[in-house]
Amino acid sequence: MTLEMFNLEGTRALVTGSSQGIGFALARGLAAAGAQVVLNGRDTTKLAAAASELSETGASIRELSFDATDHEGVRSAVDNFEDNVGPIDILINNAGMQHRTELQDFPADAFEHLLQTNVASVFHVGQAVARHMIERKSGKIINIASVQSALARPGIAPYTATKGAVTNLTKGMATDWAKYGLNCNAIAPGYFDTPLNAALVADPEFSAWLEKRTPAGRWGNVEELVGAAIFLASPASSFVNGHTLYVDGGITVSL
């Protein structure tokens, strides 16, 4: 009975930005827990390659390509999928980007791009999917925040601002939508070895600093985010709402 609380059989999960990195790992994990997974991304070639790789494991995979920053495009894609394929029971808003420049030199266009990719996409996709979840009186929305929701580092001030916004938007989603049976939460990853962090992983000085700064003493592996996602996507989290779950090796609790 206890393990059944984490069973995702019979559910369908849309994961944005899931052709690589954290999104791909979460998609693979949800599929292993029994969900049919809908992969999303803008690059259809990368998306097809990711779908092929997961399908070879026996997972039930679909593809839904759209630009998460395009409000009307998102709405059209989600509505069409719901009408012609079926309900989206779980949404993971994972699409995101990074740009590293000291704040006094940060380009305005890069700042706007960060806002659209990291914050507006959560609103666009969250709203489009939630409209259908509200009609069904059930649904799980998981937004991908960051340790930068709570901390800051030099050179990424706008990124930090966007991830703080994701955490607060998650609280707002829960406040507005919990009454309709939706659970809206966030996962805040620490420093993980992903394509987004490739430059940092390759920097021995940064890796040495990170290992010393993090109580766990190492980079995270993307597979270590899967348990948190399954928990928040499953019936086990039925009374968890508006929460940000830090998966960070302890970096946010230690000086």
Protein backbone atom coordinates (compact mmCIF):
# COMPACT_ATOMS: atom_id res chain seq x y z
CA MET A 1 0.00 0.00 0.00
CA THR A 2 2.80 2.44 0.88
CA LEU A 3 4.64 1.89 -2.40
CA GLU A 4 1.37 2.30 -4.33
CA MET A 5 1.32 5.92 -3.16
CA PHE A 6 4.30 6.54 -5.48
CA ASN A 7 2.91 4.61 -8.46
CA LEU A 8 2.40 6.73 -11.59
CA GLU A 9 0.76 4.02 -13.71
CA GLY A 10 -2.05 5.42 -15.84
CA THR A 11 -0.82 9.02 -15.68
CA ARG A 12 0.61 11.24 -18.39
CA ALA A 13 3.40 13.75 -17.70
CA LEU A 14 4.56 16.68 -19.83
CA VAL A 15 8.15 17.74 -19.15
CA THR A 16 9.32 20.95 -20.83
CA GLY A 17 12.91 21.25 -21.96
CA SER A 18 13.31 17.49 -21.75
CA SER A 19 15.64 16.62 -24.62
CA GLN A 20 18.70 16.75 -22.34
CA GLY A 21 19.98 17.41 -18.82
CA ILE A 22 17.63 17.56 -15.85
CA GLY A 23 14.49 17.45 -17.99
CA PHE A 24 15.59 14.26 -19.73
CA ALA A 25 16.54 12.62 -16.42
CA LEU A 26 13.17 13.50 -14.89
CA ALA A 27 11.33 12.23 -17.95
CA ARG A 28 13.21 8.94 -17.75
CA GLY A 29 12.46 8.67 -14.02
CA LEU A 30 8.74 9.35 -14.37
CA ALA A 31 8.53 6.81 -17.19
CA ALA A 32 10.21 4.20 -14.99
CA ALA A 33 7.57 4.93 -12.32
CA GLY A 34 4.83 4.10 -14.81
CA ALA A 35 3.87 7.42 -16.41
CA GLN A 36 3.50 8.01 -20.12
CA VAL A 37 5.91 10.89 -20.75
CA VAL A 38 5.46 13.73 -23.21
CA LEU A 39 8.81 15.22 -24.17
CA ASN A 40 9.01 18.88 -25.12
CA GLY A 41 11.59 21.13 -26.71
CA ARG A 42 12.09 23.54 -29.62
CA ASP A 43 14.76 21.50 -31.43
CA THR A 44 12.79 18.70 -33.09
CA THR A 45 15.95 16.76 -34.00
CA LYS A 46 17.17 16.64 -30.40
CA LEU A 47 13.65 15.88 -29.24
CA ALA A 48 13.33 12.92 -31.61
CA ALA A 49 16.70 11.56 -30.48
CA ALA A 50 15.66 11.79 -26.81
CA ALA A 51 12.33 10.12 -27.55
CA SER A 52 14.08 7.31 -29.42
CA GLU A 53 16.51 6.71 -26.55
CA LEU A 54 13.74 6.52 -23.96
CA SER A 55 11.49 4.39 -26.17
CA GLU A 56 14.25 1.80 -26.44
CA THR A 57 13.92 1.23 -22.68
CA GLY A 58 10.29 0.27 -23.15
CA ALA A 59 8.95 3.60 -21.91
CA SER A 60 5.74 5.05 -23.34
CA ILE A 61 6.89 8.30 -24.96
CA ARG A 62 5.26 11.06 -26.97
CA GLU A 63 6.71 14.27 -28.40
CA LEU A 64 5.14 17.72 -28.26
CA SER A 65 7.33 20.42 -29.74
CA PHE A 66 6.53 24.05 -28.90
CA ASP A 67 8.31 27.19 -27.75
CA ALA A 68 7.51 27.55 -24.06
CA THR A 69 7.96 31.35 -24.29
CA ASP A 70 5.20 31.70 -26.92
CA HIS A 71 1.91 32.13 -25.05
CA GLU A 72 -0.43 31.48 -27.98
CA GLY A 73 1.72 28.66 -29.33
CA VAL A 74 1.75 26.96 -25.94
CA ARG A 75 -2.00 27.33 -25.53
CA SER A 76 -2.68 25.92 -28.99
CA ALA A 77 -0.30 22.96 -28.56
CA VAL A 78 -1.66 22.02 -25.13
CA ASP A 79 -5.31 22.39 -26.12
CA ASN A 80 -4.79 20.33 -29.27
CA PHE A 81 -2.99 17.60 -27.31
CA GLU A 82 -5.72 17.46 -24.66
CA ASP A 83 -8.44 17.29 -27.32
CA ASN A 84 -6.82 14.68 -29.55
CA VAL A 85 -4.58 12.57 -27.32
CA GLY A 86 -5.74 12.87 -23.73
CA PRO A 87 -5.24 14.58 -20.39
CA ILE A 88 -1.95 15.88 -19.03
CA ASP A 89 -1.99 14.79 -15.39
CA ILE A 90 1.50 15.98 -14.43
CA LEU A 91 3.45 19.02 -15.65
CA ILE A 92 7.11 19.64 -14.96
CA ASN A 93 8.13 23.16 -15.96
CA ASN A 94 11.83 22.56 -16.58
CA ALA A 95 12.70 24.76 -19.57
CA GLY A 96 15.41 27.23 -18.59
CA MET A 97 18.66 28.91 -19.52
CA GLN A 98 21.68 30.62 -17.97
CA HIS A 99 23.78 33.67 -18.94
CA ARG A 100 26.88 34.62 -16.93
CA THR A 101 28.05 38.24 -16.95
CA GLU A 102 28.76 40.67 -14.13
CA LEU A 103 25.66 42.72 -13.41
CA GLN A 104 27.10 46.11 -14.42
CA ASP A 105 27.83 44.69 -17.89
CA PHE A 106 24.81 42.41 -18.25
CA PRO A 107 23.18 42.91 -21.69
CA ALA A 108 19.57 44.05 -21.57
CA ASP A 109 18.54 41.61 -24.29
CA ALA A 110 20.07 38.71 -22.34
CA PHE A 111 18.12 39.81 -19.25
CA GLU A 112 14.87 39.84 -21.23
CA HIS A 113 15.68 36.41 -22.69
CA LEU A 114 16.23 35.03 -19.20
CA LEU A 115 12.92 36.43 -18.00
CA GLN A 116 11.05 34.90 -20.92
CA THR A 117 12.73 31.49 -20.75
CA ASN A 118 12.92 31.01 -16.99
CA VAL A 119 9.80 32.82 -15.72
CA ALA A 120 7.30 33.55 -18.49
CA SER A 121 7.47 29.96 -19.74
CA VAL A 122 6.36 28.71 -16.32
CA PHE A 123 3.38 31.03 -16.49
CA HIS A 124 2.50 30.19 -20.12
CA VAL A 125 2.70 26.40 -19.84
CA GLY A 126 1.40 26.32 -16.27
CA GLN A 127 -1.70 28.30 -17.18
CA ALA A 128 -2.41 26.35 -20.37
CA VAL A 129 -2.19 22.99 -18.62
CA ALA A 130 -3.91 24.12 -15.41
CA ARG A 131 -7.04 25.20 -17.29
CA HIS A 132 -7.65 21.55 -18.14
CA MET A 133 -6.58 20.24 -14.74
CA ILE A 134 -9.03 22.63 -13.07
CA GLU A 135 -11.88 21.15 -15.11
CA ARG A 136 -10.88 17.67 -13.92
CA LYS A 137 -10.31 18.84 -10.31
CA SER A 138 -6.87 17.21 -10.17
CA GLY A 139 -3.33 17.69 -11.40
CA LYS A 140 0.31 17.99 -10.38
CA ILE A 141 2.51 20.92 -11.37
CA ILE A 142 6.21 20.86 -10.52
CA ASN A 143 8.34 23.89 -11.34
CA ILE A 144 12.12 23.67 -11.47
CA ALA A 145 13.60 26.38 -9.27
CA SER A 146 17.22 26.46 -8.04
CA VAL A 147 19.45 27.03 -5.03
CA GLN A 148 19.62 30.50 -6.59
CA SER A 149 16.04 30.93 -5.41
CA ALA A 150 17.63 31.43 -1.99
CA LEU A 151 21.29 32.25 -2.69
CA ALA A 152 23.27 34.48 -5.05
CA ARG A 153 26.67 34.20 -6.72
CA PRO A 154 28.66 36.75 -8.72
CA GLY A 155 27.83 37.04 -12.40
CA ILE A 156 24.33 35.55 -12.39
CA ALA A 157 22.15 38.18 -10.68
CA PRO A 158 19.38 38.10 -13.33
CA TYR A 159 19.29 34.28 -13.22
CA THR A 160 18.96 34.51 -9.43
CA ALA A 161 16.06 36.93 -9.89
CA THR A 162 14.28 34.55 -12.27
CA LYS A 163 14.61 31.57 -9.95
CA GLY A 164 13.33 33.61 -7.02
CA ALA A 165 10.36 34.46 -9.21
CA VAL A 166 9.76 30.78 -9.99
CA THR A 167 9.60 29.99 -6.29
CA ASN A 168 7.09 32.77 -5.65
CA LEU A 169 5.06 31.94 -8.75
CA THR A 170 4.84 28.39 -7.38
CA LYS A 171 3.37 29.79 -4.15
CA GLY A 172 0.89 31.80 -6.19
CA MET A 173 -0.15 28.78 -8.24
CA ALA A 174 -0.81 26.82 -5.07
CA THR A 175 -2.74 29.70 -3.53
CA ASP A 176 -5.01 30.06 -6.58
CA TRP A 177 -5.31 26.43 -7.69
CA ALA A 178 -5.18 24.19 -4.62
CA LYS A 179 -8.92 24.73 -4.16
CA TYR A 180 -9.42 23.02 -7.54
CA GLY A 181 -7.51 19.91 -6.50
CA LEU A 182 -4.12 20.86 -7.97
CA ASN A 183 -0.81 20.36 -6.18
CA CYS A 184 1.72 23.01 -7.24
CA ASN A 185 5.26 22.67 -5.91
CA ALA A 186 8.86 23.25 -6.96
CA ILE A 187 12.15 21.39 -6.89
CA ALA A 188 15.25 23.50 -6.31
CA PRO A 189 18.33 21.65 -7.55
CA GLY A 190 21.77 22.48 -6.22
CA TYR A 191 24.82 22.18 -8.45
CA PHE A 192 24.34 19.29 -10.86
CA ASP A 193 26.53 18.01 -13.66
CA THR A 194 24.42 19.09 -16.65
CA PRO A 195 25.01 20.73 -20.05
CA LEU A 196 23.92 24.05 -18.50
CA ASN A 197 26.79 23.77 -16.02
CA ALA A 198 29.36 22.30 -18.41
CA ALA A 199 31.72 25.28 -18.12
CA LEU A 200 31.67 25.10 -14.33
CA VAL A 201 32.14 21.34 -14.24
CA ALA A 202 35.19 21.75 -16.46
CA ASP A 203 36.68 24.41 -14.17
CA PRO A 204 38.87 22.68 -11.53
CA GLU A 205 38.92 25.79 -9.33
CA PHE A 206 35.13 26.04 -9.26
CA SER A 207 34.68 22.31 -8.67
CA ALA A 208 37.13 22.46 -5.76
CA TRP A 209 35.23 25.41 -4.28
CA LEU A 210 31.89 23.62 -4.73
CA GLU A 211 33.09 20.42 -3.10
CA LYS A 212 34.32 22.40 -0.10
CA ARG A 213 31.18 24.58 0.07
CA THR A 214 28.66 21.70 -0.18
CA PRO A 215 28.26 19.53 2.92
CA ALA A 216 27.87 16.44 0.69
CA GLY A 217 31.24 17.32 -0.85
CA ARG A 218 30.41 16.82 -4.52
CA TRP A 219 28.38 17.70 -7.59
CA GLY A 220 24.89 16.19 -7.77
CA ASN A 221 23.94 13.55 -10.32
CA VAL A 222 20.73 14.29 -12.23
CA GLU A 223 19.28 10.91 -11.28
CA GLU A 224 19.23 12.15 -7.68
CA LEU A 225 16.39 14.52 -8.59
CA VAL A 226 14.09 11.73 -9.70
CA GLY A 227 12.87 10.69 -6.25
CA ALA A 228 11.75 14.22 -5.43
CA ALA A 229 9.90 14.45 -8.76
CA ILE A 230 8.13 11.12 -8.27
CA PHE A 231 7.08 12.16 -4.76
CA LEU A 232 5.64 15.49 -5.93
CA ALA A 233 3.99 13.87 -8.97
CA SER A 234 2.38 11.04 -7.01
CA PRO A 235 -0.53 10.63 -4.57
CA ALA A 236 2.07 10.59 -1.77
CA SER A 237 2.18 14.42 -1.90
CA SER A 238 -1.58 14.97 -1.86
CA PHE A 239 -1.42 17.61 0.92
CA VAL A 240 1.85 19.26 -0.15
CA ASN A 241 1.25 22.60 -1.84
CA GLY A 242 3.33 25.70 -2.55
CA HIS A 243 6.49 23.99 -1.26
CA THR A 244 9.99 24.28 -2.71
CA LEU A 245 12.00 21.11 -2.11
CA TYR A 246 15.74 21.75 -2.13
CA VAL A 247 17.82 18.88 -3.49
CA ASP A 248 21.25 20.40 -3.03
CA GLY A 249 23.54 18.31 -0.87
CA GLY A 250 22.96 20.75 1.99
CA ILE A 251 24.45 23.85 0.36
CA THR A 252 21.53 26.13 1.33
CA VAL A 253 21.65 25.20 5.02
CA SER A 254 25.37 25.57 5.64
CA LEU A 255 27.68 28.57 5.85
